[in-house]
Amino acid sequence: MADQQAKEAARNKKIEECYMKIPKSVVMTEQKEQSVMWWQREWTETTKGVITKVFFPKIEDRLKFRINVTPNFTAIVTGHGNIKA
């Protein structure tokens, strides 16, 4: 029955399209931009990660870097660990 209705709908010229022909890449780009905006808002509003925010105040800039995370890097960026300076 579903196949029959699908064929009927495909043949019917009077039915208007109920979606906009937007490429998947455009939708994915918009979703990514919205996610980064949401993440930035959350990052800005939180009171946690003060030292990390000094190194990475903007999420968008942080995402441009490819970072090799090591224990020393994590200790420096988070302010945790036995570091004197």
PDB file of N, CA and C in Angstrom:
ATOM      1  N   MET A   1       0.816  -1.182   0.000  1.00  0.00           N
ATOM      2  CA  MET A   1       0.000   0.000   0.000  1.00  0.00           C
ATOM      3  C   MET A   1       0.873   1.264   0.000  1.00  0.00           C
ATOM      4  N   ALA A   2       1.946   1.255   0.771  1.00  0.00           N
ATOM      5  CA  ALA A   2       2.852   2.399   0.820  1.00  0.00           C
ATOM      6  C   ALA A   2       3.511   2.623  -0.534  1.00  0.00           C
ATOM      7  N   ASP A   3       3.920   1.532  -1.186  1.00  0.00           N
ATOM      8  CA  ASP A   3       4.526   1.651  -2.518  1.00  0.00           C
ATOM      9  C   ASP A   3       3.532   2.241  -3.513  1.00  0.00           C
ATOM     10  N   GLN A   4       2.316   1.792  -3.448  1.00  0.00           N
ATOM     11  CA  GLN A   4       1.286   2.274  -4.361  1.00  0.00           C
ATOM     12  C   GLN A   4       1.064   3.782  -4.169  1.00  0.00           C
ATOM     13  N   GLN A   5       0.978   4.219  -2.923  1.00  0.00           N
ATOM     14  CA  GLN A   5       0.763   5.637  -2.654  1.00  0.00           C
ATOM     15  C   GLN A   5       1.984   6.470  -3.048  1.00  0.00           C
ATOM     16  N   ALA A   6       3.163   5.934  -2.881  1.00  0.00           N
ATOM     17  CA  ALA A   6       4.378   6.637  -3.278  1.00  0.00           C
ATOM     18  C   ALA A   6       4.407   6.827  -4.790  1.00  0.00           C
ATOM     19  N   LYS A   7       4.048   5.778  -5.540  1.00  0.00           N
ATOM     20  CA  LYS A   7       4.004   5.878  -7.000  1.00  0.00           C
ATOM     21  C   LYS A   7       2.954   6.893  -7.432  1.00  0.00           C
ATOM     22  N   GLU A   8       1.822   6.856  -6.788  1.00  0.00           N
ATOM     23  CA  GLU A   8       0.738   7.781  -7.103  1.00  0.00           C
ATOM     24  C   GLU A   8       1.166   9.227  -6.843  1.00  0.00           C
ATOM     25  N   ALA A   9       1.819   9.455  -5.759  1.00  0.00           N
ATOM     26  CA  ALA A   9       2.293  10.794  -5.418  1.00  0.00           C
ATOM     27  C   ALA A   9       3.359  11.266  -6.397  1.00  0.00           C
ATOM     28  N   ALA A  10       4.206  10.354  -6.843  1.00  0.00           N
ATOM     29  CA  ALA A  10       5.264  10.704  -7.782  1.00  0.00           C
ATOM     30  C   ALA A  10       4.690  11.103  -9.137  1.00  0.00           C
ATOM     31  N   ARG A  11       3.604  10.499  -9.520  1.00  0.00           N
ATOM     32  CA  ARG A  11       2.980  10.789 -10.819  1.00  0.00           C
ATOM     33  C   ARG A  11       2.100  12.035 -10.778  1.00  0.00           C
ATOM     34  N   ASN A  12       1.633  12.405  -9.618  1.00  0.00           N
ATOM     35  CA  ASN A  12       0.682  13.508  -9.480  1.00  0.00           C
ATOM     36  C   ASN A  12       1.417  14.848  -9.571  1.00  0.00           C
ATOM     37  N   LYS A  13       1.133  15.616 -10.601  1.00  0.00           N
ATOM     38  CA  LYS A  13       1.800  16.909 -10.814  1.00  0.00           C
ATOM     39  C   LYS A  13       1.187  18.021  -9.970  1.00  0.00           C
ATOM     40  N   LYS A  14       0.023  17.786  -9.403  1.00  0.00           N
ATOM     41  CA  LYS A  14      -0.667  18.816  -8.627  1.00  0.00           C
ATOM     42  C   LYS A  14      -0.122  18.946  -7.202  1.00  0.00           C
ATOM     43  N   ILE A  15       0.610  17.965  -6.756  1.00  0.00           N
ATOM     44  CA  ILE A  15       1.144  17.987  -5.391  1.00  0.00           C
ATOM     45  C   ILE A  15       2.358  18.899  -5.340  1.00  0.00           C
ATOM     46  N   GLU A  16       2.296  19.870  -4.444  1.00  0.00           N
ATOM     47  CA  GLU A  16       3.422  20.782  -4.282  1.00  0.00           C
ATOM     48  C   GLU A  16       4.487  20.123  -3.413  1.00  0.00           C
ATOM     49  N   GLU A  17       5.719  20.508  -3.653  1.00  0.00           N
ATOM     50  CA  GLU A  17       6.809  19.986  -2.832  1.00  0.00           C
ATOM     51  C   GLU A  17       6.686  20.574  -1.435  1.00  0.00           C
ATOM     52  N   CYS A  18       6.871  19.751  -0.446  1.00  0.00           N
ATOM     53  CA  CYS A  18       6.738  20.222   0.935  1.00  0.00           C
ATOM     54  C   CYS A  18       8.105  20.383   1.600  1.00  0.00           C
ATOM     55  N   TYR A  19       9.126  20.421   0.801  1.00  0.00           N
ATOM     56  CA  TYR A  19      10.461  20.647   1.338  1.00  0.00           C
ATOM     57  C   TYR A  19      11.219  21.532   0.360  1.00  0.00           C
ATOM     58  N   MET A  20      12.228  22.179   0.875  1.00  0.00           N
ATOM     59  CA  MET A  20      13.071  22.998   0.016  1.00  0.00           C
ATOM     60  C   MET A  20      14.245  22.132  -0.417  1.00  0.00           C
ATOM     61  N   LYS A  21      14.630  22.270  -1.639  1.00  0.00           N
ATOM     62  CA  LYS A  21      15.743  21.467  -2.149  1.00  0.00           C
ATOM     63  C   LYS A  21      17.052  22.082  -1.677  1.00  0.00           C
ATOM     64  N   ILE A  22      17.429  21.728  -0.466  1.00  0.00           N
ATOM     65  CA  ILE A  22      18.660  22.231   0.131  1.00  0.00           C
ATOM     66  C   ILE A  22      19.652  21.072   0.198  1.00  0.00           C
ATOM     67  N   PRO A  23      20.856  21.281  -0.289  1.00  0.00           N
ATOM     68  CA  PRO A  23      21.856  20.216  -0.226  1.00  0.00           C
ATOM     69  C   PRO A  23      22.174  19.828   1.220  1.00  0.00           C
ATOM     70  N   LYS A  24      22.488  18.581   1.397  1.00  0.00           N
ATOM     71  CA  LYS A  24      22.830  18.069   2.728  1.00  0.00           C
ATOM     72  C   LYS A  24      24.002  18.852   3.313  1.00  0.00           C
ATOM     73  N   SER A  25      24.963  19.232   2.472  1.00  0.00           N
ATOM     74  CA  SER A  25      26.137  19.958   2.962  1.00  0.00           C
ATOM     75  C   SER A  25      25.749  21.289   3.599  1.00  0.00           C
ATOM     76  N   VAL A  26      24.739  21.953   3.040  1.00  0.00           N
ATOM     77  CA  VAL A  26      24.283  23.231   3.599  1.00  0.00           C
ATOM     78  C   VAL A  26      23.651  23.003   4.971  1.00  0.00           C
ATOM     79  N   VAL A  27      22.835  21.982   5.073  1.00  0.00           N
ATOM     80  CA  VAL A  27      22.184  21.666   6.350  1.00  0.00           C
ATOM     81  C   VAL A  27      23.240  21.320   7.396  1.00  0.00           C
ATOM     82  N   MET A  28      24.223  20.514   6.999  1.00  0.00           N
ATOM     83  CA  MET A  28      25.270  20.118   7.945  1.00  0.00           C
ATOM     84  C   MET A  28      26.088  21.335   8.400  1.00  0.00           C
ATOM     85  N   THR A  29      26.398  22.239   7.472  1.00  0.00           N
ATOM     86  CA  THR A  29      27.153  23.446   7.819  1.00  0.00           C
ATOM     87  C   THR A  29      26.362  24.307   8.791  1.00  0.00           C
ATOM     88  N   GLU A  30      25.075  24.492   8.518  1.00  0.00           N
ATOM     89  CA  GLU A  30      24.233  25.290   9.418  1.00  0.00           C
ATOM     90  C   GLU A  30      24.139  24.654  10.799  1.00  0.00           C
ATOM     91  N   GLN A  31      24.012  23.347  10.850  1.00  0.00           N
ATOM     92  CA  GLN A  31      23.945  22.653  12.136  1.00  0.00           C
ATOM     93  C   GLN A  31      25.244  22.820  12.913  1.00  0.00           C
ATOM     94  N   LYS A  32      26.363  22.724  12.208  1.00  0.00           N
ATOM     95  CA  LYS A  32      27.663  22.877  12.875  1.00  0.00           C
ATOM     96  C   LYS A  32      27.802  24.293  13.433  1.00  0.00           C
ATOM     97  N   GLU A  33      27.410  25.295  12.638  1.00  0.00           N
ATOM     98  CA  GLU A  33      27.494  26.680  13.099  1.00  0.00           C
ATOM     99  C   GLU A  33      26.612  26.911  14.325  1.00  0.00           C
ATOM    100  N   GLN A  34      25.402  26.360  14.305  1.00  0.00           N
ATOM    101  CA  GLN A  34      24.510  26.508  15.453  1.00  0.00           C
ATOM    102  C   GLN A  34      25.080  25.809  16.680  1.00  0.00           C
ATOM    103  N   SER A  35      25.690  24.654  16.479  1.00  0.00           N
ATOM    104  CA  SER A  35      26.283  23.924  17.603  1.00  0.00           C
ATOM    105  C   SER A  35      27.432  24.706  18.223  1.00  0.00           C
ATOM    106  N   VAL A  36      28.274  25.297  17.373  1.00  0.00           N
ATOM    107  CA  VAL A  36      29.405  26.081  17.884  1.00  0.00           C
ATOM    108  C   VAL A  36      28.897  27.314  18.622  1.00  0.00           C
ATOM    109  N   MET A  37      27.845  27.952  18.097  1.00  0.00           N
ATOM    110  CA  MET A  37      27.261  29.115  18.795  1.00  0.00           C
ATOM    111  C   MET A  37      26.712  28.714  20.158  1.00  0.00           C
ATOM    112  N   TRP A  38      26.009  27.587  20.214  1.00  0.00           N
ATOM    113  CA  TRP A  38      25.465  27.102  21.488  1.00  0.00           C
ATOM    114  C   TRP A  38      26.603  26.784  22.456  1.00  0.00           C
ATOM    115  N   TRP A  39      27.624  26.088  21.942  1.00  0.00           N
ATOM    116  CA  TRP A  39      28.766  25.710  22.770  1.00  0.00           C
ATOM    117  C   TRP A  39      29.456  26.967  23.304  1.00  0.00           C
ATOM    118  N   GLN A  40      29.639  27.985  22.460  1.00  0.00           N
ATOM    119  CA  GLN A  40      30.280  29.223  22.887  1.00  0.00           C
ATOM    120  C   GLN A  40      29.472  29.907  23.979  1.00  0.00           C
ATOM    121  N   ARG A  41      28.150  29.941  23.823  1.00  0.00           N
ATOM    122  CA  ARG A  41      27.300  30.554  24.836  1.00  0.00           C
ATOM    123  C   ARG A  41      27.455  29.829  26.171  1.00  0.00           C
ATOM    124  N   GLU A  42      27.418  28.505  26.126  1.00  0.00           N
ATOM    125  CA  GLU A  42      27.592  27.711  27.352  1.00  0.00           C
ATOM    126  C   GLU A  42      28.973  27.956  27.961  1.00  0.00           C
ATOM    127  N   TRP A  43      30.003  28.020  27.125  1.00  0.00           N
ATOM    128  CA  TRP A  43      31.383  28.214  27.569  1.00  0.00           C
ATOM    129  C   TRP A  43      31.536  29.590  28.217  1.00  0.00           C
ATOM    130  N   THR A  44      30.913  30.600  27.636  1.00  0.00           N
ATOM    131  CA  THR A  44      31.003  31.959  28.161  1.00  0.00           C
ATOM    132  C   THR A  44      30.277  32.087  29.495  1.00  0.00           C
ATOM    133  N   GLU A  45      29.137  31.435  29.615  1.00  0.00           N
ATOM    134  CA  GLU A  45      28.310  31.584  30.813  1.00  0.00           C
ATOM    135  C   GLU A  45      28.782  30.760  32.011  1.00  0.00           C
ATOM    136  N   THR A  46      29.536  29.704  31.779  1.00  0.00           N
ATOM    137  CA  THR A  46      29.949  28.859  32.898  1.00  0.00           C
ATOM    138  C   THR A  46      31.019  29.555  33.744  1.00  0.00           C
ATOM    139  N   THR A  47      31.018  29.242  35.027  1.00  0.00           N
ATOM    140  CA  THR A  47      32.027  29.801  35.921  1.00  0.00           C
ATOM    141  C   THR A  47      33.209  28.852  36.088  1.00  0.00           C
ATOM    142  N   LYS A  48      33.126  27.710  35.463  1.00  0.00           N
ATOM    143  CA  LYS A  48      34.200  26.724  35.569  1.00  0.00           C
ATOM    144  C   LYS A  48      35.204  26.905  34.437  1.00  0.00           C
ATOM    145  N   GLY A  49      36.380  26.348  34.589  1.00  0.00           N
ATOM    146  CA  GLY A  49      37.389  26.366  33.538  1.00  0.00           C
ATOM    147  C   GLY A  49      38.025  27.720  33.318  1.00  0.00           C
ATOM    148  N   VAL A  50      38.175  28.503  34.378  1.00  0.00           N
ATOM    149  CA  VAL A  50      38.698  29.862  34.247  1.00  0.00           C
ATOM    150  C   VAL A  50      40.089  29.874  33.613  1.00  0.00           C
ATOM    151  N   ILE A  51      40.958  28.997  34.041  1.00  0.00           N
ATOM    152  CA  ILE A  51      42.318  28.963  33.492  1.00  0.00           C
ATOM    153  C   ILE A  51      42.283  28.495  32.037  1.00  0.00           C
ATOM    154  N   THR A  52      41.468  27.508  31.739  1.00  0.00           N
ATOM    155  CA  THR A  52      41.349  27.017  30.369  1.00  0.00           C
ATOM    156  C   THR A  52      40.819  28.109  29.455  1.00  0.00           C
ATOM    157  N   LYS A  53      39.914  28.936  29.953  1.00  0.00           N
ATOM    158  CA  LYS A  53      39.353  30.036  29.152  1.00  0.00           C
ATOM    159  C   LYS A  53      40.421  31.059  28.771  1.00  0.00           C
ATOM    160  N   VAL A  54      41.457  31.181  29.588  1.00  0.00           N
ATOM    161  CA  VAL A  54      42.546  32.099  29.252  1.00  0.00           C
ATOM    162  C   VAL A  54      43.229  31.628  27.970  1.00  0.00           C
ATOM    163  N   PHE A  55      43.422  30.322  27.839  1.00  0.00           N
ATOM    164  CA  PHE A  55      44.072  29.752  26.662  1.00  0.00           C
ATOM    165  C   PHE A  55      43.121  29.665  25.467  1.00  0.00           C
ATOM    166  N   PHE A  56      41.856  29.349  25.724  1.00  0.00           N
ATOM    167  CA  PHE A  56      40.881  29.142  24.657  1.00  0.00           C
ATOM    168  C   PHE A  56      39.590  29.910  24.944  1.00  0.00           C
ATOM    169  N   PRO A  57      39.591  31.235  24.754  1.00  0.00           N
ATOM    170  CA  PRO A  57      38.376  32.002  25.044  1.00  0.00           C
ATOM    171  C   PRO A  57      37.267  31.783  24.009  1.00  0.00           C
ATOM    172  N   LYS A  58      37.639  31.473  22.768  1.00  0.00           N
ATOM    173  CA  LYS A  58      36.638  31.293  21.725  1.00  0.00           C
ATOM    174  C   LYS A  58      36.671  29.852  21.221  1.00  0.00           C
ATOM    175  N   ILE A  59      35.542  29.207  21.261  1.00  0.00           N
ATOM    176  CA  ILE A  59      35.425  27.815  20.820  1.00  0.00           C
ATOM    177  C   ILE A  59      35.800  27.684  19.351  1.00  0.00           C
ATOM    178  N   GLU A  60      35.359  28.630  18.539  1.00  0.00           N
ATOM    179  CA  GLU A  60      35.626  28.577  17.102  1.00  0.00           C
ATOM    180  C   GLU A  60      37.129  28.559  16.816  1.00  0.00           C
ATOM    181  N   ASP A  61      37.885  29.390  17.542  1.00  0.00           N
ATOM    182  CA  ASP A  61      39.339  29.416  17.364  1.00  0.00           C
ATOM    183  C   ASP A  61      39.964  28.108  17.831  1.00  0.00           C
ATOM    184  N   ARG A  62      39.463  27.574  18.943  1.00  0.00           N
ATOM    185  CA  ARG A  62      39.995  26.314  19.469  1.00  0.00           C
ATOM    186  C   ARG A  62      39.795  25.165  18.483  1.00  0.00           C
ATOM    187  N   LEU A  63      38.674  25.142  17.797  1.00  0.00           N
ATOM    188  CA  LEU A  63      38.377  24.055  16.866  1.00  0.00           C
ATOM    189  C   LEU A  63      39.285  24.073  15.641  1.00  0.00           C
ATOM    190  N   LYS A  64      39.936  25.194  15.377  1.00  0.00           N
ATOM    191  CA  LYS A  64      40.837  25.298  14.228  1.00  0.00           C
ATOM    192  C   LYS A  64      42.173  24.600  14.491  1.00  0.00           C
ATOM    193  N   PHE A  65      42.515  24.399  15.769  1.00  0.00           N
ATOM    194  CA  PHE A  65      43.791  23.784  16.127  1.00  0.00           C
ATOM    195  C   PHE A  65      43.674  22.275  16.226  1.00  0.00           C
ATOM    196  N   ARG A  66      44.729  21.618  15.847  1.00  0.00           N
ATOM    197  CA  ARG A  66      44.828  20.180  16.050  1.00  0.00           C
ATOM    198  C   ARG A  66      45.803  19.993  17.206  1.00  0.00           C
ATOM    199  N   ILE A  67      45.291  19.600  18.352  1.00  0.00           N
ATOM    200  CA  ILE A  67      46.101  19.563  19.568  1.00  0.00           C
ATOM    201  C   ILE A  67      46.417  18.133  19.961  1.00  0.00           C
ATOM    202  N   ASN A  68      47.698  17.894  20.205  1.00  0.00           N
ATOM    203  CA  ASN A  68      48.146  16.603  20.709  1.00  0.00           C
ATOM    204  C   ASN A  68      48.071  16.678  22.240  1.00  0.00           C
ATOM    205  N   VAL A  69      47.039  16.097  22.800  1.00  0.00           N
ATOM    206  CA  VAL A  69      46.801  16.200  24.236  1.00  0.00           C
ATOM    207  C   VAL A  69      47.707  15.224  24.983  1.00  0.00           C
ATOM    208  N   THR A  70      48.514  15.790  25.861  1.00  0.00           N
ATOM    209  CA  THR A  70      49.405  14.998  26.711  1.00  0.00           C
ATOM    210  C   THR A  70      49.077  15.326  28.162  1.00  0.00           C
ATOM    211  N   PRO A  71      49.557  14.528  29.093  1.00  0.00           N
ATOM    212  CA  PRO A  71      49.320  14.852  30.506  1.00  0.00           C
ATOM    213  C   PRO A  71      49.858  16.238  30.894  1.00  0.00           C
ATOM    214  N   ASN A  72      51.028  16.595  30.381  1.00  0.00           N
ATOM    215  CA  ASN A  72      51.596  17.911  30.699  1.00  0.00           C
ATOM    216  C   ASN A  72      50.739  19.036  30.122  1.00  0.00           C
ATOM    217  N   PHE A  73      50.310  18.885  28.889  1.00  0.00           N
ATOM    218  CA  PHE A  73      49.453  19.886  28.254  1.00  0.00           C
ATOM    219  C   PHE A  73      48.168  20.073  29.066  1.00  0.00           C
ATOM    220  N   THR A  74      47.553  18.965  29.443  1.00  0.00           N
ATOM    221  CA  THR A  74      46.311  19.022  30.214  1.00  0.00           C
ATOM    222  C   THR A  74      46.534  19.717  31.560  1.00  0.00           C
ATOM    223  N   ALA A  75      47.654  19.416  32.216  1.00  0.00           N
ATOM    224  CA  ALA A  75      47.953  20.038  33.511  1.00  0.00           C
ATOM    225  C   ALA A  75      48.111  21.551  33.368  1.00  0.00           C
ATOM    226  N   ILE A  76      48.768  21.989  32.309  1.00  0.00           N
ATOM    227  CA  ILE A  76      48.992  23.418  32.104  1.00  0.00           C
ATOM    228  C   ILE A  76      47.691  24.135  31.778  1.00  0.00           C
ATOM    229  N   VAL A  77      46.938  23.587  30.829  1.00  0.00           N
ATOM    230  CA  VAL A  77      45.726  24.257  30.353  1.00  0.00           C
ATOM    231  C   VAL A  77      44.615  24.266  31.396  1.00  0.00           C
ATOM    232  N   THR A  78      44.551  23.248  32.218  1.00  0.00           N
ATOM    233  CA  THR A  78      43.477  23.184  33.219  1.00  0.00           C
ATOM    234  C   THR A  78      43.882  23.793  34.558  1.00  0.00           C
ATOM    235  N   GLY A  79      45.185  23.997  34.754  1.00  0.00           N
ATOM    236  CA  GLY A  79      45.644  24.544  36.021  1.00  0.00           C
ATOM    237  C   GLY A  79      45.723  23.491  37.112  1.00  0.00           C
ATOM    238  N   HIS A  80      45.617  22.242  36.731  1.00  0.00           N
ATOM    239  CA  HIS A  80      45.736  21.146  37.688  1.00  0.00           C
ATOM    240  C   HIS A  80      47.118  20.525  37.601  1.00  0.00           C
ATOM    241  N   GLY A  81      47.532  19.910  38.629  1.00  0.00           N
ATOM    242  CA  GLY A  81      48.838  19.257  38.617  1.00  0.00           C
ATOM    243  C   GLY A  81      49.835  20.009  39.493  1.00  0.00           C
ATOM    244  N   ASN A  82      51.018  19.504  39.544  1.00  0.00           N
ATOM    245  CA  ASN A  82      52.069  20.056  40.389  1.00  0.00           C
ATOM    246  C   ASN A  82      52.948  20.979  39.547  1.00  0.00           C
ATOM    247  N   ILE A  83      52.420  22.167  39.242  1.00  0.00           N
ATOM    248  CA  ILE A  83      53.143  23.120  38.402  1.00  0.00           C
ATOM    249  C   ILE A  83      53.351  24.402  39.224  1.00  0.00           C
ATOM    250  N   LYS A  84      54.588  24.842  39.284  1.00  0.00           N
ATOM    251  CA  LYS A  84      54.936  26.016  40.100  1.00  0.00           C
ATOM    252  C   LYS A  84      54.635  27.333  39.370  1.00  0.00           C
ATOM    253  N   ALA A  85      54.692  27.342  38.017  1.00  0.00           N
ATOM    254  CA  ALA A  85      54.513  28.605  37.290  1.00  0.00           C
ATOM    255  C   ALA A  85      53.240  28.591  36.487  1.00  0.00           C
TER     256      ALA A  85
END
